Each structure stands twice: as structure tokens, then as C-alpha cells.
Amino acid sequence: MLIAKVIGTTVSTIKEPTLEGRKLLILRQTDVDGVPFGKPYVAVDTLDAGIGELVLTAHGSSGRQTEITQNRPVDAVIMAVIDHLSVLGEVTYQKE
């Protein structure tokens, strides 16, 4: 699993039929303080996450283990919206 921040949305009028009706969001991986780094990537949203939220993502074959993404051509999936992160007893992120 990776921690990522939702930074945007995608619109696709033509796509694989098994992905019809699924929201695709643009994410960037973050550190435990919520600071983004690395290249943006697209993930299937299973939870109605919003721009600016921190989320947990699964990738590769693990990304196809949710009820919504099972047996679909998915490489990344949003599987949790983070409320807060605590590292070594210190809260590093708190959802507003």
C-alpha cells in the first residue's frame, strides 16, 4: 500500500467496458507528512474520494482485489481515505 494525495480528476468518454461508471482520479505518492513527491498516476476510486484528500492505494494484482476492481484492467485503486496519520506517537497528518 502507498499513501497518496488526490490532485486531480480524469474524464474518459471511451474506455474498457468493465470500467464504465468508475471515477478515475490523479494521485501523487506522499510521505507521512502528506508532502507529495514522484510522478502523478491514475487510480480507480472505489470510495468517492475528493481532491486534496490523502488516501491509501493498492497496486498491481493487489489493485484488482476489491469488489469493484476484481477481474478488471486496473493497476491502482483507492481503497481507503485517511483521517489521520500517527508516526512514533506524533500525529503527522489530520484531515480537516
N, C-alpha and C. Protein backbone atom coordinates (compact mmCIF):
# COMPACT_ATOMS: atom_id res chain seq x y z
N MET A 1 0.84 -1.18 0.00
CA MET A 1 0.00 0.00 0.00
C MET A 1 0.89 1.24 0.00
N LEU A 2 0.38 2.27 -0.66
CA LEU A 2 1.07 3.55 -0.69
C LEU A 2 0.13 4.64 -0.20
N ILE A 3 0.71 5.68 0.41
CA ILE A 3 -0.05 6.86 0.78
C ILE A 3 0.04 7.82 -0.39
N ALA A 4 -1.08 8.42 -0.79
CA ALA A 4 -1.09 9.34 -1.92
C ALA A 4 -2.08 10.46 -1.67
N LYS A 5 -1.88 11.56 -2.39
CA LYS A 5 -2.79 12.70 -2.32
C LYS A 5 -3.53 12.81 -3.64
N VAL A 6 -4.84 13.03 -3.57
CA VAL A 6 -5.65 13.21 -4.77
C VAL A 6 -5.38 14.63 -5.28
N ILE A 7 -4.87 14.73 -6.52
CA ILE A 7 -4.52 16.04 -7.07
C ILE A 7 -5.36 16.42 -8.28
N GLY A 8 -6.19 15.53 -8.78
CA GLY A 8 -7.00 15.87 -9.94
C GLY A 8 -7.92 14.74 -10.38
N THR A 9 -8.65 15.00 -11.44
CA THR A 9 -9.59 14.03 -11.98
C THR A 9 -9.30 13.79 -13.46
N THR A 10 -9.84 12.72 -13.99
CA THR A 10 -9.74 12.47 -15.43
C THR A 10 -11.15 12.28 -15.97
N VAL A 11 -11.31 12.57 -17.25
CA VAL A 11 -12.57 12.32 -17.94
C VAL A 11 -12.25 11.46 -19.14
N SER A 12 -12.95 10.34 -19.25
CA SER A 12 -12.73 9.42 -20.36
C SER A 12 -14.08 8.97 -20.89
N THR A 13 -14.43 9.43 -22.08
CA THR A 13 -15.73 9.05 -22.64
C THR A 13 -15.70 7.68 -23.30
N ILE A 14 -14.52 7.22 -23.68
CA ILE A 14 -14.37 5.89 -24.27
C ILE A 14 -13.36 5.13 -23.42
N LYS A 15 -13.77 3.99 -22.87
CA LYS A 15 -12.85 3.19 -22.06
C LYS A 15 -13.30 1.74 -22.05
N GLU A 16 -12.47 0.89 -21.48
CA GLU A 16 -12.78 -0.52 -21.31
C GLU A 16 -14.18 -0.64 -20.68
N PRO A 17 -15.07 -1.43 -21.26
CA PRO A 17 -16.45 -1.54 -20.76
C PRO A 17 -16.56 -1.89 -19.27
N THR A 18 -15.63 -2.67 -18.73
CA THR A 18 -15.74 -3.04 -17.31
C THR A 18 -15.39 -1.87 -16.38
N LEU A 19 -14.90 -0.77 -16.95
CA LEU A 19 -14.60 0.43 -16.15
C LEU A 19 -15.64 1.52 -16.30
N GLU A 20 -16.69 1.24 -17.08
CA GLU A 20 -17.77 2.21 -17.26
C GLU A 20 -18.35 2.61 -15.91
N GLY A 21 -18.55 3.90 -15.71
CA GLY A 21 -19.14 4.41 -14.48
C GLY A 21 -18.18 4.52 -13.31
N ARG A 22 -16.91 4.22 -13.51
CA ARG A 22 -15.91 4.29 -12.44
C ARG A 22 -15.14 5.60 -12.54
N LYS A 23 -14.99 6.29 -11.41
CA LYS A 23 -14.25 7.54 -11.36
C LYS A 23 -12.76 7.24 -11.33
N LEU A 24 -12.01 7.96 -12.17
CA LEU A 24 -10.56 7.82 -12.24
C LEU A 24 -9.94 9.11 -11.72
N LEU A 25 -9.12 9.01 -10.68
CA LEU A 25 -8.50 10.18 -10.07
C LEU A 25 -7.00 10.19 -10.30
N ILE A 26 -6.43 11.39 -10.33
CA ILE A 26 -4.99 11.56 -10.47
C ILE A 26 -4.40 11.72 -9.08
N LEU A 27 -3.36 10.94 -8.78
CA LEU A 27 -2.74 10.92 -7.46
C LEU A 27 -1.25 11.17 -7.56
N ARG A 28 -0.67 11.59 -6.43
CA ARG A 28 0.79 11.61 -6.27
C ARG A 28 1.10 10.98 -4.93
N GLN A 29 2.10 10.12 -4.90
CA GLN A 29 2.52 9.50 -3.65
C GLN A 29 2.99 10.59 -2.70
N THR A 30 2.80 10.38 -1.37
CA THR A 30 3.24 11.36 -0.38
C THR A 30 4.08 10.67 0.69
N ASP A 31 4.78 11.50 1.47
CA ASP A 31 5.46 10.98 2.65
C ASP A 31 4.44 10.97 3.81
N VAL A 32 4.87 10.62 5.00
CA VAL A 32 3.93 10.50 6.13
C VAL A 32 3.42 11.85 6.61
N ASP A 33 4.01 12.95 6.13
CA ASP A 33 3.52 14.29 6.46
C ASP A 33 2.54 14.80 5.41
N GLY A 34 2.28 14.00 4.39
CA GLY A 34 1.36 14.41 3.34
C GLY A 34 1.99 15.24 2.24
N VAL A 35 3.32 15.29 2.20
CA VAL A 35 4.02 16.08 1.18
C VAL A 35 4.21 15.21 -0.07
N PRO A 36 3.62 15.64 -1.21
CA PRO A 36 3.70 14.84 -2.44
C PRO A 36 5.11 14.79 -3.03
N PHE A 37 5.40 13.67 -3.70
CA PHE A 37 6.64 13.51 -4.46
C PHE A 37 6.38 12.52 -5.58
N GLY A 38 7.27 12.47 -6.53
CA GLY A 38 7.15 11.50 -7.62
C GLY A 38 6.17 11.92 -8.70
N LYS A 39 6.03 11.03 -9.66
CA LYS A 39 5.17 11.28 -10.82
C LYS A 39 3.71 11.04 -10.48
N PRO A 40 2.80 11.82 -11.08
CA PRO A 40 1.37 11.55 -10.91
C PRO A 40 0.99 10.22 -11.56
N TYR A 41 -0.05 9.60 -11.04
CA TYR A 41 -0.59 8.38 -11.64
C TYR A 41 -2.10 8.37 -11.45
N VAL A 42 -2.76 7.50 -12.18
CA VAL A 42 -4.23 7.41 -12.16
C VAL A 42 -4.64 6.16 -11.39
N ALA A 43 -5.68 6.30 -10.57
CA ALA A 43 -6.22 5.16 -9.81
C ALA A 43 -7.73 5.16 -9.90
N VAL A 44 -8.31 3.98 -9.85
CA VAL A 44 -9.77 3.84 -9.79
C VAL A 44 -10.21 4.18 -8.37
N ASP A 45 -11.22 5.04 -8.26
CA ASP A 45 -11.73 5.45 -6.97
C ASP A 45 -12.91 4.57 -6.58
N THR A 46 -12.77 3.82 -5.49
CA THR A 46 -13.85 2.95 -5.03
C THR A 46 -14.64 3.57 -3.88
N LEU A 47 -14.22 4.78 -3.42
CA LEU A 47 -14.78 5.34 -2.18
C LEU A 47 -15.31 6.76 -2.30
N ASP A 48 -15.31 7.34 -3.49
CA ASP A 48 -15.73 8.73 -3.68
C ASP A 48 -14.81 9.70 -2.96
N ALA A 49 -13.51 9.50 -3.10
CA ALA A 49 -12.51 10.40 -2.52
C ALA A 49 -12.56 11.74 -3.26
N GLY A 50 -12.05 12.78 -2.61
CA GLY A 50 -12.07 14.11 -3.20
C GLY A 50 -10.69 14.69 -3.36
N ILE A 51 -10.59 15.73 -4.17
CA ILE A 51 -9.31 16.41 -4.39
C ILE A 51 -8.80 16.95 -3.06
N GLY A 52 -7.50 16.74 -2.83
CA GLY A 52 -6.86 17.20 -1.62
C GLY A 52 -6.81 16.17 -0.51
N GLU A 53 -7.57 15.09 -0.63
CA GLU A 53 -7.57 14.07 0.42
C GLU A 53 -6.36 13.15 0.31
N LEU A 54 -5.92 12.64 1.46
CA LEU A 54 -4.91 11.59 1.48
C LEU A 54 -5.62 10.26 1.46
N VAL A 55 -5.09 9.33 0.69
CA VAL A 55 -5.72 8.03 0.52
C VAL A 55 -4.67 6.92 0.59
N LEU A 56 -5.12 5.70 0.80
CA LEU A 56 -4.28 4.52 0.68
C LEU A 56 -4.60 3.85 -0.63
N THR A 57 -3.56 3.43 -1.34
CA THR A 57 -3.76 2.79 -2.63
C THR A 57 -3.10 1.42 -2.66
N ALA A 58 -3.66 0.54 -3.45
CA ALA A 58 -3.08 -0.77 -3.72
C ALA A 58 -2.74 -0.81 -5.21
N HIS A 59 -1.69 -1.55 -5.57
CA HIS A 59 -1.19 -1.54 -6.94
C HIS A 59 -0.98 -2.95 -7.46
N GLY A 60 -0.92 -3.05 -8.79
CA GLY A 60 -0.68 -4.34 -9.43
C GLY A 60 -1.82 -5.31 -9.16
N SER A 61 -1.49 -6.57 -8.94
CA SER A 61 -2.53 -7.58 -8.72
C SER A 61 -3.34 -7.27 -7.46
N SER A 62 -2.75 -6.62 -6.48
CA SER A 62 -3.49 -6.22 -5.27
C SER A 62 -4.57 -5.19 -5.60
N GLY A 63 -4.35 -4.39 -6.63
CA GLY A 63 -5.33 -3.40 -7.06
C GLY A 63 -6.57 -4.01 -7.66
N ARG A 64 -6.53 -5.30 -7.93
CA ARG A 64 -7.69 -5.99 -8.51
C ARG A 64 -8.38 -6.89 -7.49
N GLN A 65 -8.20 -6.60 -6.20
CA GLN A 65 -8.77 -7.45 -5.16
C GLN A 65 -10.01 -6.86 -4.49
N THR A 66 -10.44 -5.65 -4.88
CA THR A 66 -11.66 -5.10 -4.31
C THR A 66 -12.86 -5.63 -5.10
N GLU A 67 -14.04 -5.53 -4.52
CA GLU A 67 -15.25 -5.98 -5.23
C GLU A 67 -15.43 -5.23 -6.54
N ILE A 68 -15.10 -3.94 -6.54
CA ILE A 68 -15.31 -3.10 -7.73
C ILE A 68 -14.27 -3.37 -8.81
N THR A 69 -13.04 -3.70 -8.44
CA THR A 69 -11.96 -3.83 -9.44
C THR A 69 -11.62 -5.27 -9.80
N GLN A 70 -12.25 -6.22 -9.16
CA GLN A 70 -11.93 -7.63 -9.42
C GLN A 70 -12.12 -7.97 -10.90
N ASN A 71 -11.11 -8.60 -11.47
CA ASN A 71 -11.11 -9.03 -12.88
C ASN A 71 -11.26 -7.88 -13.87
N ARG A 72 -10.75 -6.70 -13.49
CA ARG A 72 -10.78 -5.55 -14.38
C ARG A 72 -9.34 -5.09 -14.64
N PRO A 73 -9.10 -4.40 -15.76
CA PRO A 73 -7.74 -3.97 -16.10
C PRO A 73 -7.31 -2.76 -15.28
N VAL A 74 -7.02 -2.99 -14.00
CA VAL A 74 -6.70 -1.92 -13.05
C VAL A 74 -5.30 -2.15 -12.50
N ASP A 75 -4.51 -1.09 -12.45
CA ASP A 75 -3.17 -1.18 -11.86
C ASP A 75 -3.10 -0.49 -10.50
N ALA A 76 -4.00 0.47 -10.25
CA ALA A 76 -4.01 1.17 -8.96
C ALA A 76 -5.46 1.44 -8.55
N VAL A 77 -5.72 1.30 -7.24
CA VAL A 77 -7.06 1.51 -6.73
C VAL A 77 -6.99 2.25 -5.39
N ILE A 78 -7.92 3.18 -5.19
CA ILE A 78 -8.04 3.85 -3.90
C ILE A 78 -8.90 2.95 -3.04
N MET A 79 -8.34 2.50 -1.90
CA MET A 79 -9.05 1.56 -1.04
C MET A 79 -9.34 2.09 0.35
N ALA A 80 -8.83 3.29 0.69
CA ALA A 80 -9.13 3.90 1.98
C ALA A 80 -8.85 5.40 1.91
N VAL A 81 -9.68 6.18 2.61
CA VAL A 81 -9.44 7.61 2.77
C VAL A 81 -8.88 7.78 4.18
N ILE A 82 -7.75 8.47 4.29
CA ILE A 82 -7.06 8.60 5.57
C ILE A 82 -7.65 9.75 6.39
N ASP A 83 -7.99 9.48 7.66
CA ASP A 83 -8.46 10.51 8.58
C ASP A 83 -7.29 11.17 9.30
N HIS A 84 -6.35 10.36 9.76
CA HIS A 84 -5.12 10.91 10.35
C HIS A 84 -4.02 9.86 10.31
N LEU A 85 -2.79 10.37 10.35
CA LEU A 85 -1.60 9.52 10.41
C LEU A 85 -0.86 9.83 11.70
N SER A 86 -0.38 8.80 12.34
CA SER A 86 0.41 8.96 13.55
C SER A 86 1.67 8.12 13.40
N VAL A 87 2.84 8.76 13.54
CA VAL A 87 4.12 8.07 13.40
C VAL A 87 4.90 8.27 14.69
N LEU A 88 5.28 7.17 15.32
CA LEU A 88 6.02 7.20 16.58
C LEU A 88 5.31 8.07 17.62
N GLY A 89 3.98 7.97 17.66
CA GLY A 89 3.19 8.70 18.64
C GLY A 89 2.89 10.15 18.30
N GLU A 90 3.41 10.63 17.17
CA GLU A 90 3.17 12.01 16.77
C GLU A 90 2.24 12.04 15.56
N VAL A 91 1.17 12.83 15.64
CA VAL A 91 0.25 12.96 14.51
C VAL A 91 0.94 13.79 13.44
N THR A 92 1.10 13.18 12.27
CA THR A 92 1.77 13.86 11.15
C THR A 92 0.79 14.41 10.13
N TYR A 93 -0.45 13.90 10.17
CA TYR A 93 -1.49 14.37 9.26
C TYR A 93 -2.82 14.25 9.95
N GLN A 94 -3.65 15.27 9.83
CA GLN A 94 -5.01 15.27 10.37
C GLN A 94 -5.93 15.82 9.31
N LYS A 95 -6.94 15.06 8.92
CA LYS A 95 -7.91 15.52 7.91
C LYS A 95 -8.66 16.71 8.49
N GLU A 96 -8.82 17.73 7.66
CA GLU A 96 -9.51 18.95 8.12
C GLU A 96 -11.00 18.77 8.19
